[in-house]
Amino acid sequence: MSFAVHEYKRTDRIGDQIKMEVADILMRKTRDPRIGFVTVTSVDVSDDLQHAKIFVTVQKEQDPKQAFIGLKKAAGFIRAELSRRLHLRRIPELVFLPDESTEKVSNILDLLDRIEKEKQ
């Protein structure tokens, strides 16, 4: 009898934990008005657990540049909060990056709609 074993890397599990916790911290603990309402879409943790890229989307009404300035300023606070919540020997350095995947998907769908209209 054989069992299907799915490889689920430790860094992926830690990334999922960081994603949930950072989203909660941003929603409940940060007070910087520049951050406003951002959504954590994914977290990419390096294999050595030294760095975490946190991908976020910013609401259309917000100034993304100001939001990322606020996130950069809050990174130390967020990291300290993570160290209280996660039981890890070392908390990765946090870098906030824009998640452009939803924008790309939207552009692709628009292009497909245009192609469909041109066919008709």
PDB file of N, CA and C in Angstrom:
ATOM      1  N   MET A   1       0.841  -1.172   0.000  1.00  0.00           N
ATOM      2  CA  MET A   1       0.000   0.000   0.000  1.00  0.00           C
ATOM      3  C   MET A   1       0.893   1.245   0.000  1.00  0.00           C
ATOM      4  N   SER A   2       0.610   2.183  -0.894  1.00  0.00           N
ATOM      5  CA  SER A   2       1.444   3.386  -0.952  1.00  0.00           C
ATOM      6  C   SER A   2       0.609   4.608  -0.583  1.00  0.00           C
ATOM      7  N   PHE A   3       1.267   5.526   0.038  1.00  0.00           N
ATOM      8  CA  PHE A   3       0.615   6.764   0.445  1.00  0.00           C
ATOM      9  C   PHE A   3       1.169   7.918  -0.371  1.00  0.00           C
ATOM     10  N   ALA A   4       0.306   8.805  -0.779  1.00  0.00           N
ATOM     11  CA  ALA A   4       0.756   9.998  -1.498  1.00  0.00           C
ATOM     12  C   ALA A   4       1.241  11.009  -0.466  1.00  0.00           C
ATOM     13  N   VAL A   5       2.479  11.377  -0.592  1.00  0.00           N
ATOM     14  CA  VAL A   5       3.051  12.341   0.340  1.00  0.00           C
ATOM     15  C   VAL A   5       3.250  13.653  -0.401  1.00  0.00           C
ATOM     16  N   HIS A   6       2.646  14.691   0.118  1.00  0.00           N
ATOM     17  CA  HIS A   6       2.795  16.007  -0.496  1.00  0.00           C
ATOM     18  C   HIS A   6       3.865  16.777   0.259  1.00  0.00           C
ATOM     19  N   GLU A   7       4.824  17.236  -0.479  1.00  0.00           N
ATOM     20  CA  GLU A   7       5.903  18.016   0.104  1.00  0.00           C
ATOM     21  C   GLU A   7       5.384  19.419   0.420  1.00  0.00           C
ATOM     22  N   TYR A   8       5.393  19.770   1.677  1.00  0.00           N
ATOM     23  CA  TYR A   8       4.955  21.094   2.100  1.00  0.00           C
ATOM     24  C   TYR A   8       6.092  21.659   2.933  1.00  0.00           C
ATOM     25  N   LYS A   9       6.891  22.491   2.300  1.00  0.00           N
ATOM     26  CA  LYS A   9       8.114  22.976   2.927  1.00  0.00           C
ATOM     27  C   LYS A   9       7.821  23.777   4.190  1.00  0.00           C
ATOM     28  N   ARG A  10       8.742  23.713   5.100  1.00  0.00           N
ATOM     29  CA  ARG A  10       8.620  24.470   6.349  1.00  0.00           C
ATOM     30  C   ARG A  10       8.514  25.962   6.059  1.00  0.00           C
ATOM     31  N   THR A  11       9.264  26.433   5.071  1.00  0.00           N
ATOM     32  CA  THR A  11       9.208  27.863   4.744  1.00  0.00           C
ATOM     33  C   THR A  11       7.812  28.263   4.269  1.00  0.00           C
ATOM     34  N   ASP A  12       7.109  27.352   3.587  1.00  0.00           N
ATOM     35  CA  ASP A  12       5.740  27.636   3.161  1.00  0.00           C
ATOM     36  C   ASP A  12       4.809  27.754   4.360  1.00  0.00           C
ATOM     37  N   ARG A  13       4.969  26.842   5.313  1.00  0.00           N
ATOM     38  CA  ARG A  13       4.135  26.896   6.524  1.00  0.00           C
ATOM     39  C   ARG A  13       4.403  28.173   7.297  1.00  0.00           C
ATOM     40  N   ILE A  14       5.667  28.536   7.430  1.00  0.00           N
ATOM     41  CA  ILE A  14       6.017  29.766   8.144  1.00  0.00           C
ATOM     42  C   ILE A  14       5.490  30.976   7.382  1.00  0.00           C
ATOM     43  N   GLY A  15       5.589  30.939   6.051  1.00  0.00           N
ATOM     44  CA  GLY A  15       5.051  32.021   5.232  1.00  0.00           C
ATOM     45  C   GLY A  15       3.557  32.201   5.444  1.00  0.00           C
ATOM     46  N   ASP A  16       2.820  31.087   5.521  1.00  0.00           N
ATOM     47  CA  ASP A  16       1.380  31.154   5.776  1.00  0.00           C
ATOM     48  C   ASP A  16       1.094  31.765   7.146  1.00  0.00           C
ATOM     49  N   GLN A  17       1.870  31.365   8.157  1.00  0.00           N
ATOM     50  CA  GLN A  17       1.696  31.929   9.496  1.00  0.00           C
ATOM     51  C   GLN A  17       1.975  33.424   9.491  1.00  0.00           C
ATOM     52  N   ILE A  18       3.075  33.810   8.844  1.00  0.00           N
ATOM     53  CA  ILE A  18       3.442  35.227   8.783  1.00  0.00           C
ATOM     54  C   ILE A  18       2.358  36.019   8.068  1.00  0.00           C
ATOM     55  N   LYS A  19       1.827  35.467   6.992  1.00  0.00           N
ATOM     56  CA  LYS A  19       0.766  36.153   6.242  1.00  0.00           C
ATOM     57  C   LYS A  19      -0.431  36.443   7.139  1.00  0.00           C
ATOM     58  N   MET A  20      -0.896  35.442   7.882  1.00  0.00           N
ATOM     59  CA  MET A  20      -2.052  35.630   8.758  1.00  0.00           C
ATOM     60  C   MET A  20      -1.756  36.642   9.864  1.00  0.00           C
ATOM     61  N   GLU A  21      -0.595  36.517  10.469  1.00  0.00           N
ATOM     62  CA  GLU A  21      -0.256  37.389  11.588  1.00  0.00           C
ATOM     63  C   GLU A  21      -0.035  38.833  11.137  1.00  0.00           C
ATOM     64  N   VAL A  22       0.670  39.024  10.015  1.00  0.00           N
ATOM     65  CA  VAL A  22       0.914  40.379   9.522  1.00  0.00           C
ATOM     66  C   VAL A  22      -0.414  41.044   9.146  1.00  0.00           C
ATOM     67  N   ALA A  23      -1.306  40.294   8.513  1.00  0.00           N
ATOM     68  CA  ALA A  23      -2.622  40.845   8.169  1.00  0.00           C
ATOM     69  C   ALA A  23      -3.348  41.298   9.436  1.00  0.00           C
ATOM     70  N   ASP A  24      -3.289  40.478  10.474  1.00  0.00           N
ATOM     71  CA  ASP A  24      -3.942  40.825  11.736  1.00  0.00           C
ATOM     72  C   ASP A  24      -3.286  42.045  12.388  1.00  0.00           C
ATOM     73  N   ILE A  25      -1.961  42.077  12.392  1.00  0.00           N
ATOM     74  CA  ILE A  25      -1.234  43.210  12.983  1.00  0.00           C
ATOM     75  C   ILE A  25      -1.570  44.505  12.243  1.00  0.00           C
ATOM     76  N   LEU A  26      -1.586  44.439  10.900  1.00  0.00           N
ATOM     77  CA  LEU A  26      -1.901  45.635  10.113  1.00  0.00           C
ATOM     78  C   LEU A  26      -3.321  46.124  10.393  1.00  0.00           C
ATOM     79  N   MET A  27      -4.233  45.187  10.579  1.00  0.00           N
ATOM     80  CA  MET A  27      -5.621  45.556  10.798  1.00  0.00           C
ATOM     81  C   MET A  27      -5.856  46.082  12.214  1.00  0.00           C
ATOM     82  N   ARG A  28      -5.228  45.475  13.206  1.00  0.00           N
ATOM     83  CA  ARG A  28      -5.552  45.784  14.600  1.00  0.00           C
ATOM     84  C   ARG A  28      -4.548  46.657  15.345  1.00  0.00           C
ATOM     85  N   LYS A  29      -3.281  46.605  14.944  1.00  0.00           N
ATOM     86  CA  LYS A  29      -2.246  47.214  15.786  1.00  0.00           C
ATOM     87  C   LYS A  29      -1.588  48.462  15.203  1.00  0.00           C
ATOM     88  N   THR A  30      -1.481  48.558  13.891  1.00  0.00           N
ATOM     89  CA  THR A  30      -0.773  49.707  13.324  1.00  0.00           C
ATOM     90  C   THR A  30      -1.685  50.931  13.326  1.00  0.00           C
ATOM     91  N   ARG A  31      -1.095  52.067  13.599  1.00  0.00           N
ATOM     92  CA  ARG A  31      -1.855  53.308  13.701  1.00  0.00           C
ATOM     93  C   ARG A  31      -1.453  54.335  12.644  1.00  0.00           C
ATOM     94  N   ASP A  32      -0.516  53.971  11.772  1.00  0.00           N
ATOM     95  CA  ASP A  32      -0.028  54.914  10.761  1.00  0.00           C
ATOM     96  C   ASP A  32      -1.108  55.142   9.704  1.00  0.00           C
ATOM     97  N   PRO A  33      -1.602  56.376   9.574  1.00  0.00           N
ATOM     98  CA  PRO A  33      -2.673  56.640   8.595  1.00  0.00           C
ATOM     99  C   PRO A  33      -2.229  56.438   7.144  1.00  0.00           C
ATOM    100  N   ARG A  34      -0.922  56.479   6.887  1.00  0.00           N
ATOM    101  CA  ARG A  34      -0.432  56.271   5.521  1.00  0.00           C
ATOM    102  C   ARG A  34      -0.699  54.854   5.046  1.00  0.00           C
ATOM    103  N   ILE A  35      -0.683  53.906   5.974  1.00  0.00           N
ATOM    104  CA  ILE A  35      -0.877  52.509   5.601  1.00  0.00           C
ATOM    105  C   ILE A  35      -2.318  52.277   5.154  1.00  0.00           C
ATOM    106  N   GLY A  36      -3.259  52.866   5.854  1.00  0.00           N
ATOM    107  CA  GLY A  36      -4.654  52.723   5.457  1.00  0.00           C
ATOM    108  C   GLY A  36      -5.088  51.271   5.443  1.00  0.00           C
ATOM    109  N   PHE A  37      -5.773  50.878   4.379  1.00  0.00           N
ATOM    110  CA  PHE A  37      -6.254  49.507   4.258  1.00  0.00           C
ATOM    111  C   PHE A  37      -5.462  48.790   3.173  1.00  0.00           C
ATOM    112  N   VAL A  38      -4.583  47.884   3.599  1.00  0.00           N
ATOM    113  CA  VAL A  38      -3.816  47.072   2.655  1.00  0.00           C
ATOM    114  C   VAL A  38      -4.172  45.611   2.883  1.00  0.00           C
ATOM    115  N   THR A  39      -4.042  44.819   1.835  1.00  0.00           N
ATOM    116  CA  THR A  39      -4.337  43.396   1.909  1.00  0.00           C
ATOM    117  C   THR A  39      -3.054  42.614   1.666  1.00  0.00           C
ATOM    118  N   VAL A  40      -2.722  41.726   2.586  1.00  0.00           N
ATOM    119  CA  VAL A  40      -1.560  40.854   2.422  1.00  0.00           C
ATOM    120  C   VAL A  40      -2.000  39.702   1.521  1.00  0.00           C
ATOM    121  N   THR A  41      -1.389  39.618   0.339  1.00  0.00           N
ATOM    122  CA  THR A  41      -1.799  38.596  -0.624  1.00  0.00           C
ATOM    123  C   THR A  41      -0.933  37.347  -0.564  1.00  0.00           C
ATOM    124  N   SER A  42       0.357  37.509  -0.283  1.00  0.00           N
ATOM    125  CA  SER A  42       1.221  36.337  -0.157  1.00  0.00           C
ATOM    126  C   SER A  42       2.512  36.729   0.554  1.00  0.00           C
ATOM    127  N   VAL A  43       3.198  35.704   1.034  1.00  0.00           N
ATOM    128  CA  VAL A  43       4.483  35.892   1.710  1.00  0.00           C
ATOM    129  C   VAL A  43       5.451  34.861   1.156  1.00  0.00           C
ATOM    130  N   ASP A  44       6.629  35.319   0.778  1.00  0.00           N
ATOM    131  CA  ASP A  44       7.667  34.442   0.258  1.00  0.00           C
ATOM    132  C   ASP A  44       8.837  34.481   1.239  1.00  0.00           C
ATOM    133  N   VAL A  45       9.073  33.361   1.923  1.00  0.00           N
ATOM    134  CA  VAL A  45      10.140  33.277   2.920  1.00  0.00           C
ATOM    135  C   VAL A  45      11.336  32.574   2.297  1.00  0.00           C
ATOM    136  N   SER A  46      12.528  33.145   2.489  1.00  0.00           N
ATOM    137  CA  SER A  46      13.732  32.520   1.946  1.00  0.00           C
ATOM    138  C   SER A  46      13.990  31.185   2.656  1.00  0.00           C
ATOM    139  N   ASP A  47      14.723  30.303   1.987  1.00  0.00           N
ATOM    140  CA  ASP A  47      14.982  28.966   2.534  1.00  0.00           C
ATOM    141  C   ASP A  47      15.727  29.014   3.866  1.00  0.00           C
ATOM    142  N   ASP A  48      16.553  30.048   4.060  1.00  0.00           N
ATOM    143  CA  ASP A  48      17.296  30.148   5.323  1.00  0.00           C
ATOM    144  C   ASP A  48      16.517  30.907   6.403  1.00  0.00           C
ATOM    145  N   LEU A  49      15.284  31.281   6.098  1.00  0.00           N
ATOM    146  CA  LEU A  49      14.386  31.981   7.027  1.00  0.00           C
ATOM    147  C   LEU A  49      14.914  33.349   7.466  1.00  0.00           C
ATOM    148  N   GLN A  50      15.807  33.919   6.700  1.00  0.00           N
ATOM    149  CA  GLN A  50      16.378  35.220   7.051  1.00  0.00           C
ATOM    150  C   GLN A  50      15.536  36.383   6.525  1.00  0.00           C
ATOM    151  N   HIS A  51      14.815  36.166   5.418  1.00  0.00           N
ATOM    152  CA  HIS A  51      14.083  37.252   4.755  1.00  0.00           C
ATOM    153  C   HIS A  51      12.680  36.797   4.388  1.00  0.00           C
ATOM    154  N   ALA A  52      11.741  37.740   4.478  1.00  0.00           N
ATOM    155  CA  ALA A  52      10.367  37.460   4.052  1.00  0.00           C
ATOM    156  C   ALA A  52       9.897  38.618   3.182  1.00  0.00           C
ATOM    157  N   LYS A  53       9.494  38.291   1.965  1.00  0.00           N
ATOM    158  CA  LYS A  53       8.892  39.282   1.080  1.00  0.00           C
ATOM    159  C   LYS A  53       7.389  39.202   1.292  1.00  0.00           C
ATOM    160  N   ILE A  54       6.808  40.322   1.691  1.00  0.00           N
ATOM    161  CA  ILE A  54       5.376  40.355   1.958  1.00  0.00           C
ATOM    162  C   ILE A  54       4.719  41.155   0.844  1.00  0.00           C
ATOM    163  N   PHE A  55       3.900  40.476   0.052  1.00  0.00           N
ATOM    164  CA  PHE A  55       3.236  41.118  -1.080  1.00  0.00           C
ATOM    165  C   PHE A  55       1.874  41.624  -0.636  1.00  0.00           C
ATOM    166  N   VAL A  56       1.625  42.904  -0.913  1.00  0.00           N
ATOM    167  CA  VAL A  56       0.368  43.528  -0.497  1.00  0.00           C
ATOM    168  C   VAL A  56      -0.262  44.282  -1.656  1.00  0.00           C
ATOM    169  N   THR A  57      -1.579  44.420  -1.571  1.00  0.00           N
ATOM    170  CA  THR A  57      -2.293  45.294  -2.499  1.00  0.00           C
ATOM    171  C   THR A  57      -2.828  46.470  -1.693  1.00  0.00           C
ATOM    172  N   VAL A  58      -2.910  47.604  -2.349  1.00  0.00           N
ATOM    173  CA  VAL A  58      -3.365  48.834  -1.725  1.00  0.00           C
ATOM    174  C   VAL A  58      -4.677  49.225  -2.392  1.00  0.00           C
ATOM    175  N   GLN A  59      -5.618  49.723  -1.600  1.00  0.00           N
ATOM    176  CA  GLN A  59      -6.892  50.161  -2.180  1.00  0.00           C
ATOM    177  C   GLN A  59      -6.652  51.263  -3.196  1.00  0.00           C
ATOM    178  N   LYS A  60      -7.503  51.296  -4.214  1.00  0.00           N
ATOM    179  CA  LYS A  60      -7.351  52.262  -5.300  1.00  0.00           C
ATOM    180  C   LYS A  60      -7.384  53.713  -4.817  1.00  0.00           C
ATOM    181  N   GLU A  61      -8.155  54.005  -3.761  1.00  0.00           N
ATOM    182  CA  GLU A  61      -8.263  55.381  -3.271  1.00  0.00           C
ATOM    183  C   GLU A  61      -6.991  55.844  -2.568  1.00  0.00           C
ATOM    184  N   GLN A  62      -6.151  54.901  -2.167  1.00  0.00           N
ATOM    185  CA  GLN A  62      -4.946  55.231  -1.417  1.00  0.00           C
ATOM    186  C   GLN A  62      -3.781  55.577  -2.330  1.00  0.00           C
ATOM    187  N   ASP A  63      -2.848  56.353  -1.784  1.00  0.00           N
ATOM    188  CA  ASP A  63      -1.597  56.643  -2.472  1.00  0.00           C
ATOM    189  C   ASP A  63      -0.637  55.488  -2.173  1.00  0.00           C
ATOM    190  N   PRO A  64      -0.325  54.641  -3.164  1.00  0.00           N
ATOM    191  CA  PRO A  64       0.516  53.481  -2.886  1.00  0.00           C
ATOM    192  C   PRO A  64       1.900  53.853  -2.364  1.00  0.00           C
ATOM    193  N   LYS A  65       2.445  54.954  -2.862  1.00  0.00           N
ATOM    194  CA  LYS A  65       3.777  55.369  -2.412  1.00  0.00           C
ATOM    195  C   LYS A  65       3.764  55.661  -0.914  1.00  0.00           C
ATOM    196  N   GLN A  66       2.758  56.389  -0.444  1.00  0.00           N
ATOM    197  CA  GLN A  66       2.644  56.695   0.982  1.00  0.00           C
ATOM    198  C   GLN A  66       2.406  55.429   1.800  1.00  0.00           C
ATOM    199  N   ALA A  67       1.585  54.517   1.263  1.00  0.00           N
ATOM    200  CA  ALA A  67       1.309  53.265   1.972  1.00  0.00           C
ATOM    201  C   ALA A  67       2.598  52.476   2.182  1.00  0.00           C
ATOM    202  N   PHE A  68       3.448  52.410   1.147  1.00  0.00           N
ATOM    203  CA  PHE A  68       4.691  51.638   1.285  1.00  0.00           C
ATOM    204  C   PHE A  68       5.704  52.347   2.174  1.00  0.00           C
ATOM    205  N   ILE A  69       5.675  53.675   2.208  1.00  0.00           N
ATOM    206  CA  ILE A  69       6.522  54.397   3.166  1.00  0.00           C
ATOM    207  C   ILE A  69       6.093  54.040   4.585  1.00  0.00           C
ATOM    208  N   GLY A  70       4.771  54.038   4.818  1.00  0.00           N
ATOM    209  CA  GLY A  70       4.245  53.668   6.135  1.00  0.00           C
ATOM    210  C   GLY A  70       4.583  52.233   6.507  1.00  0.00           C
ATOM    211  N   LEU A  71       4.469  51.328   5.544  1.00  0.00           N
ATOM    212  CA  LEU A  71       4.798  49.922   5.810  1.00  0.00           C
ATOM    213  C   LEU A  71       6.273  49.749   6.135  1.00  0.00           C
ATOM    214  N   LYS A  72       7.119  50.467   5.419  1.00  0.00           N
ATOM    215  CA  LYS A  72       8.560  50.374   5.677  1.00  0.00           C
ATOM    216  C   LYS A  72       8.881  50.870   7.094  1.00  0.00           C
ATOM    217  N   LYS A  73       8.238  51.970   7.487  1.00  0.00           N
ATOM    218  CA  LYS A  73       8.443  52.506   8.842  1.00  0.00           C
ATOM    219  C   LYS A  73       7.928  51.540   9.908  1.00  0.00           C
ATOM    220  N   ALA A  74       6.833  50.836   9.602  1.00  0.00           N
ATOM    221  CA  ALA A  74       6.213  49.937  10.580  1.00  0.00           C
ATOM    222  C   ALA A  74       6.860  48.554  10.616  1.00  0.00           C
ATOM    223  N   ALA A  75       7.770  48.260   9.698  1.00  0.00           N
ATOM    224  CA  ALA A  75       8.341  46.913   9.590  1.00  0.00           C
ATOM    225  C   ALA A  75       8.976  46.444  10.899  1.00  0.00           C
ATOM    226  N   GLY A  76       9.693  47.318  11.589  1.00  0.00           N
ATOM    227  CA  GLY A  76      10.327  46.940  12.858  1.00  0.00           C
ATOM    228  C   GLY A  76       9.293  46.583  13.914  1.00  0.00           C
ATOM    229  N   PHE A  77       8.245  47.399  14.010  1.00  0.00           N
ATOM    230  CA  PHE A  77       7.164  47.135  14.957  1.00  0.00           C
ATOM    231  C   PHE A  77       6.479  45.812  14.625  1.00  0.00           C
ATOM    232  N   ILE A  78       6.197  45.590  13.334  1.00  0.00           N
ATOM    233  CA  ILE A  78       5.520  44.364  12.904  1.00  0.00           C
ATOM    234  C   ILE A  78       6.394  43.149  13.204  1.00  0.00           C
ATOM    235  N   ARG A  79       7.687  43.290  12.968  1.00  0.00           N
ATOM    236  CA  ARG A  79       8.617  42.183  13.238  1.00  0.00           C
ATOM    237  C   ARG A  79       8.658  41.864  14.740  1.00  0.00           C
ATOM    238  N   ALA A  80       8.666  42.913  15.569  1.00  0.00           N
ATOM    239  CA  ALA A  80       8.664  42.704  17.020  1.00  0.00           C
ATOM    240  C   ALA A  80       7.370  42.018  17.460  1.00  0.00           C
ATOM    241  N   GLU A  81       6.262  42.434  16.869  1.00  0.00           N
ATOM    242  CA  GLU A  81       4.971  41.814  17.186  1.00  0.00           C
ATOM    243  C   GLU A  81       4.965  40.340  16.745  1.00  0.00           C
ATOM    244  N   LEU A  82       5.552  40.062  15.575  1.00  0.00           N
ATOM    245  CA  LEU A  82       5.655  38.673  15.110  1.00  0.00           C
ATOM    246  C   LEU A  82       6.474  37.821  16.075  1.00  0.00           C
ATOM    247  N   SER A  83       7.530  38.409  16.643  1.00  0.00           N
ATOM    248  CA  SER A  83       8.373  37.634  17.557  1.00  0.00           C
ATOM    249  C   SER A  83       7.600  37.239  18.811  1.00  0.00           C
ATOM    250  N   ARG A  84       6.603  38.039  19.202  1.00  0.00           N
ATOM    251  CA  ARG A  84       5.765  37.681  20.347  1.00  0.00           C
ATOM    252  C   ARG A  84       4.747  36.600  19.982  1.00  0.00           C
ATOM    253  N   ARG A  85       4.325  36.579  18.728  1.00  0.00           N
ATOM    254  CA  ARG A  85       3.256  35.671  18.316  1.00  0.00           C
ATOM    255  C   ARG A  85       3.751  34.331  17.782  1.00  0.00           C
ATOM    256  N   LEU A  86       4.882  34.348  17.103  1.00  0.00           N
ATOM    257  CA  LEU A  86       5.401  33.121  16.481  1.00  0.00           C
ATOM    258  C   LEU A  86       6.533  32.560  17.321  1.00  0.00           C
ATOM    259  N   HIS A  87       6.563  31.268  17.434  1.00  0.00           N
ATOM    260  CA  HIS A  87       7.606  30.621  18.228  1.00  0.00           C
ATOM    261  C   HIS A  87       8.730  30.170  17.300  1.00  0.00           C
ATOM    262  N   LEU A  88       9.489  31.154  16.844  1.00  0.00           N
ATOM    263  CA  LEU A  88      10.624  30.892  15.969  1.00  0.00           C
ATOM    264  C   LEU A  88      11.884  31.409  16.650  1.00  0.00           C
ATOM    265  N   ARG A  89      12.974  30.738  16.378  1.00  0.00           N
ATOM    266  CA  ARG A  89      14.247  31.181  16.938  1.00  0.00           C
ATOM    267  C   ARG A  89      14.614  32.562  16.395  1.00  0.00           C
ATOM    268  N   ARG A  90      14.326  32.773  15.118  1.00  0.00           N
ATOM    269  CA  ARG A  90      14.681  34.047  14.485  1.00  0.00           C
ATOM    270  C   ARG A  90      13.526  34.484  13.583  1.00  0.00           C
ATOM    271  N   ILE A  91      13.137  35.742  13.711  1.00  0.00           N
ATOM    272  CA  ILE A  91      12.083  36.299  12.859  1.00  0.00           C
ATOM    273  C   ILE A  91      12.757  36.902  11.630  1.00  0.00           C
ATOM    274  N   PRO A  92      12.271  36.574  10.429  1.00  0.00           N
ATOM    275  CA  PRO A  92      12.915  37.099   9.212  1.00  0.00           C
ATOM    276  C   PRO A  92      12.784  38.620   9.089  1.00  0.00           C
ATOM    277  N   GLU A  93      13.741  39.202   8.364  1.00  0.00           N
ATOM    278  CA  GLU A  93      13.627  40.614   7.990  1.00  0.00           C
ATOM    279  C   GLU A  93      12.440  40.741   7.050  1.00  0.00           C
ATOM    280  N   LEU A  94      11.641  41.794   7.223  1.00  0.00           N
ATOM    281  CA  LEU A  94      10.433  41.959   6.422  1.00  0.00           C
ATOM    282  C   LEU A  94      10.630  43.027   5.354  1.00  0.00           C
ATOM    283  N   VAL A  95      10.216  42.687   4.137  1.00  0.00           N
ATOM    284  CA  VAL A  95      10.230  43.639   3.033  1.00  0.00           C
ATOM    285  C   VAL A  95       8.837  43.624   2.420  1.00  0.00           C
ATOM    286  N   PHE A  96       8.224  44.796   2.322  1.00  0.00           N
ATOM    287  CA  PHE A  96       6.889  44.898   1.736  1.00  0.00           C
ATOM    288  C   PHE A  96       7.008  45.280   0.269  1.00  0.00           C
ATOM    289  N   LEU A  97       6.306  44.515  -0.575  1.00  0.00           N
ATOM    290  CA  LEU A  97       6.346  44.737  -2.019  1.00  0.00           C
ATOM    291  C   LEU A  97       4.923  44.771  -2.568  1.00  0.00           C
ATOM    292  N   PRO A  98       4.725  45.537  -3.648  1.00  0.00           N
ATOM    293  CA  PRO A  98       3.387  45.562  -4.256  1.00  0.00           C
ATOM    294  C   PRO A  98       3.093  44.249  -4.974  1.00  0.00           C
ATOM    295  N   ASP A  99       1.881  43.748  -4.793  1.00  0.00           N
ATOM    296  CA  ASP A  99       1.450  42.550  -5.516  1.00  0.00           C
ATOM    297  C   ASP A  99       0.758  43.020  -6.779  1.00  0.00           C
ATOM    298  N   GLU A 100       1.410  42.786  -7.897  1.00  0.00           N
ATOM    299  CA  GLU A 100       0.871  43.248  -9.169  1.00  0.00           C
ATOM    300  C   GLU A 100       0.141  42.142  -9.914  1.00  0.00           C
ATOM    301  N   SER A 101       0.004  40.977  -9.295  1.00  0.00           N
ATOM    302  CA  SER A 101      -0.634  39.855  -9.989  1.00  0.00           C
ATOM    303  C   SER A 101      -2.100  40.136 -10.291  1.00  0.00           C
ATOM    304  N   THR A 102      -2.822  40.764  -9.366  1.00  0.00           N
ATOM    305  CA  THR A 102      -4.241  41.042  -9.624  1.00  0.00           C
ATOM    306  C   THR A 102      -4.388  42.056 -10.753  1.00  0.00           C
ATOM    307  N   GLU A 103      -3.465  43.001 -10.813  1.00  0.00           N
ATOM    308  CA  GLU A 103      -3.483  43.989 -11.894  1.00  0.00           C
ATOM    309  C   GLU A 103      -3.214  43.306 -13.234  1.00  0.00           C
ATOM    310  N   LYS A 104      -2.270  42.370 -13.251  1.00  0.00           N
ATOM    311  CA  LYS A 104      -1.953  41.641 -14.488  1.00  0.00           C
ATOM    312  C   LYS A 104      -3.135  40.796 -14.941  1.00  0.00           C
ATOM    313  N   VAL A 105      -3.788  40.135 -13.998  1.00  0.00           N
ATOM    314  CA  VAL A 105      -4.956  39.322 -14.334  1.00  0.00           C
ATOM    315  C   VAL A 105      -6.053  40.207 -14.925  1.00  0.00           C
ATOM    316  N   SER A 106      -6.260  41.362 -14.317  1.00  0.00           N
ATOM    317  CA  SER A 106      -7.275  42.295 -14.809  1.00  0.00           C
ATOM    318  C   SER A 106      -6.963  42.738 -16.238  1.00  0.00           C
ATOM    319  N   ASN A 107      -5.703  43.045 -16.502  1.00  0.00           N
ATOM    320  CA  ASN A 107      -5.295  43.447 -17.851  1.00  0.00           C
ATOM    321  C   ASN A 107      -5.506  42.324 -18.864  1.00  0.00           C
ATOM    322  N   ILE A 108      -5.194  41.095 -18.476  1.00  0.00           N
ATOM    323  CA  ILE A 108      -5.383  39.955 -19.371  1.00  0.00           C
ATOM    324  C   ILE A 108      -6.863  39.765 -19.681  1.00  0.00           C
ATOM    325  N   LEU A 109      -7.706  39.872 -18.653  1.00  0.00           N
ATOM    326  CA  LEU A 109      -9.146  39.728 -18.874  1.00  0.00           C
ATOM    327  C   LEU A 109      -9.682  40.824 -19.793  1.00  0.00           C
ATOM    328  N   ASP A 110      -9.183  42.048 -19.624  1.00  0.00           N
ATOM    329  CA  ASP A 110      -9.583  43.144 -20.517  1.00  0.00           C
ATOM    330  C   ASP A 110      -9.192  42.848 -21.965  1.00  0.00           C
ATOM    331  N   LEU A 111      -7.966  42.352 -22.149  1.00  0.00           N
ATOM    332  CA  LEU A 111      -7.514  42.005 -23.494  1.00  0.00           C
ATOM    333  C   LEU A 111      -8.375  40.900 -24.110  1.00  0.00           C
ATOM    334  N   LEU A 112      -8.704  39.892 -23.319  1.00  0.00           N
ATOM    335  CA  LEU A 112      -9.549  38.808 -23.821  1.00  0.00           C
ATOM    336  C   LEU A 112     -10.938  39.322 -24.201  1.00  0.00           C
ATOM    337  N   ASP A 113     -11.472  40.243 -23.393  1.00  0.00           N
ATOM    338  CA  ASP A 113     -12.775  40.838 -23.721  1.00  0.00           C
ATOM    339  C   ASP A 113     -12.708  41.592 -25.044  1.00  0.00           C
ATOM    340  N   ARG A 114     -11.633  42.354 -25.243  1.00  0.00           N
ATOM    341  CA  ARG A 114     -11.480  43.112 -26.495  1.00  0.00           C
ATOM    342  C   ARG A 114     -11.382  42.185 -27.704  1.00  0.00           C
ATOM    343  N   ILE A 115     -10.614  41.102 -27.547  1.00  0.00           N
ATOM    344  CA  ILE A 115     -10.469  40.135 -28.641  1.00  0.00           C
ATOM    345  C   ILE A 115     -11.829  39.525 -28.970  1.00  0.00           C
ATOM    346  N   GLU A 116     -12.571  39.178 -27.940  1.00  0.00           N
ATOM    347  CA  GLU A 116     -13.899  38.581 -28.144  1.00  0.00           C
ATOM    348  C   GLU A 116     -14.824  39.546 -28.862  1.00  0.00           C
ATOM    349  N   LYS A 117     -14.784  40.823 -28.502  1.00  0.00           N
ATOM    350  CA  LYS A 117     -15.625  41.833 -29.148  1.00  0.00           C
ATOM    351  C   LYS A 117     -15.219  42.051 -30.614  1.00  0.00           C
ATOM    352  N   GLU A 118     -13.924  41.992 -30.880  1.00  0.00           N
ATOM    353  CA  GLU A 118     -13.445  42.162 -32.243  1.00  0.00           C
ATOM    354  C   GLU A 118     -13.865  40.993 -33.145  1.00  0.00           C
ATOM    355  N   LYS A 119     -13.958  39.794 -32.563  1.00  0.00           N
ATOM    356  CA  LYS A 119     -14.385  38.629 -33.334  1.00  0.00           C
ATOM    357  C   LYS A 119     -15.839  38.758 -33.762  1.00  0.00           C
ATOM    358  N   GLN A 120     -16.637  39.411 -32.942  1.00  0.00           N
ATOM    359  CA  GLN A 120     -18.068  39.527 -33.224  1.00  0.00           C
ATOM    360  C   GLN A 120     -18.291  40.644 -34.157  1.00  0.00           C
TER     361      GLN A 120
END
